[in-house]
C-alpha atoms as a PDB file:
ATOM      1  CA  MET A   1       8.555   9.015  27.673  1.00  0.00           C
ATOM      2  CA  SER A   2      10.901   9.459  24.775  1.00  0.00           C
ATOM      3  CA  MET A   3      10.300   8.475  21.190  1.00  0.00           C
ATOM      4  CA  PRO A   4      12.528   5.673  19.887  1.00  0.00           C
ATOM      5  CA  ASP A   5      15.210   6.693  17.398  1.00  0.00           C
ATOM      6  CA  ALA A   6      13.549   4.833  14.510  1.00  0.00           C
ATOM      7  CA  SER A   7      10.403   6.915  14.823  1.00  0.00           C
ATOM      8  CA  ILE A   8      12.317  10.158  15.137  1.00  0.00           C
ATOM      9  CA  ASN A   9      14.326   9.273  12.028  1.00  0.00           C
ATOM     10  CA  ALA A  10      11.178   8.386  10.081  1.00  0.00           C
ATOM     11  CA  VAL A  11       9.539  11.693  10.947  1.00  0.00           C
ATOM     12  CA  GLU A  12      12.682  13.684  10.122  1.00  0.00           C
ATOM     13  CA  ALA A  13      13.100  11.856   6.802  1.00  0.00           C
ATOM     14  CA  CYS A  14       9.489  12.546   5.928  1.00  0.00           C
ATOM     15  CA  PHE A  15       9.890  16.282   6.476  1.00  0.00           C
ATOM     16  CA  GLU A  16      13.158  16.335   4.535  1.00  0.00           C
ATOM     17  CA  ILE A  17      11.518  14.557   1.595  1.00  0.00           C
ATOM     18  CA  GLU A  18       8.647  17.041   1.539  1.00  0.00           C
ATOM     19  CA  ILE A  19      10.949  20.050   1.817  1.00  0.00           C
ATOM     20  CA  VAL A  20      13.360  18.892  -0.886  1.00  0.00           C
ATOM     21  CA  GLY A  21      10.487  17.799  -3.117  1.00  0.00           C
ATOM     22  CA  ILE A  22      12.088  14.525  -4.151  1.00  0.00           C
ATOM     23  CA  LEU A  23       8.772  12.692  -4.116  1.00  0.00           C
ATOM     24  CA  SER A  24       5.436  13.504  -5.649  1.00  0.00           C
ATOM     25  CA  PRO A  25       2.896  15.035  -3.245  1.00  0.00           C
ATOM     26  CA  GLU A  26       1.123  11.660  -3.038  1.00  0.00           C
ATOM     27  CA  LEU A  27       4.284   9.804  -2.069  1.00  0.00           C
ATOM     28  CA  ALA A  28       5.252  12.540   0.370  1.00  0.00           C
ATOM     29  CA  GLN A  29       1.813  12.181   1.991  1.00  0.00           C
ATOM     30  CA  ALA A  30       2.247   8.412   2.161  1.00  0.00           C
ATOM     31  CA  ALA A  31       5.646   8.898   3.833  1.00  0.00           C
ATOM     32  CA  SER A  32       4.042  11.299   6.295  1.00  0.00           C
ATOM     33  CA  ASP A  33       1.265   8.808   7.061  1.00  0.00           C
ATOM     34  CA  ILE A  34       3.796   6.026   7.631  1.00  0.00           C
ATOM     35  CA  ALA A  35       5.814   8.242   9.979  1.00  0.00           C
ATOM     36  CA  THR A  36       2.635   9.101  11.890  1.00  0.00           C
ATOM     37  CA  HIS A  37       1.740   5.418  12.251  1.00  0.00           C
ATOM     38  CA  LEU A  38       5.282   4.558  13.366  1.00  0.00           C
ATOM     39  CA  ASN A  39       5.075   7.277  15.987  1.00  0.00           C
ATOM     40  CA  THR A  40       1.736   5.930  17.239  1.00  0.00           C
ATOM     41  CA  VAL A  41       3.042   2.359  17.419  1.00  0.00           C
ATOM     42  CA  SER A  42       6.193   3.539  19.224  1.00  0.00           C
ATOM     43  CA  LYS A  43       4.101   5.376  21.813  1.00  0.00           C
ATOM     44  CA  LEU A  44       1.861   2.339  22.366  1.00  0.00           C
ATOM     45  CA  ILE A  45       4.869   0.057  22.803  1.00  0.00           C
ATOM     46  CA  SER A  46       6.468   2.517  25.237  1.00  0.00           C
ATOM     47  CA  GLU A  47       3.255   2.689  27.269  1.00  0.00           C
ATOM     48  CA  HIS A  48       3.010  -1.107  27.470  1.00  0.00           C
ATOM     49  CA  VAL A  49       6.669  -1.467  28.443  1.00  0.00           C
ATOM     50  CA  GLU A  50       6.212   1.207  31.100  1.00  0.00           C
ATOM     51  CA  GLY A  51       3.186  -0.701  32.423  1.00  0.00           C
ATOM     52  CA  PHE A  52       5.180  -3.937  32.609  1.00  0.00           C
ATOM     53  CA  VAL A  53       8.003  -2.186  34.459  1.00  0.00           C
ATOM     54  CA  GLN A  54       5.570  -0.670  36.966  1.00  0.00           C
ATOM     55  CA  ALA A  55       3.847  -4.032  37.504  1.00  0.00           C
ATOM     56  CA  GLU A  56       7.211  -5.685  38.095  1.00  0.00           C
ATOM     57  CA  GLN A  57       8.177  -2.999  40.622  1.00  0.00           C
ATOM     58  CA  VAL A  58       4.909  -3.528  42.516  1.00  0.00           C
ATOM     59  CA  GLN A  59       5.568  -7.271  42.722  1.00  0.00           C
ATOM     60  CA  GLN A  60       9.023  -6.688  44.209  1.00  0.00           C
END
């Protein structure tokens, strides 16, 4: 299962922000938390879609 582009971009942006130091540590942590949540949601959506695809294949 691959991570959707939006999640990958959010995680990459979060690391770039922390490395460059544009944001305060608190905002960088918030960005990191948001990226983590996006990743979790993306994985859950992918799992559900995969389940629907498998169920459809069984019915055919």
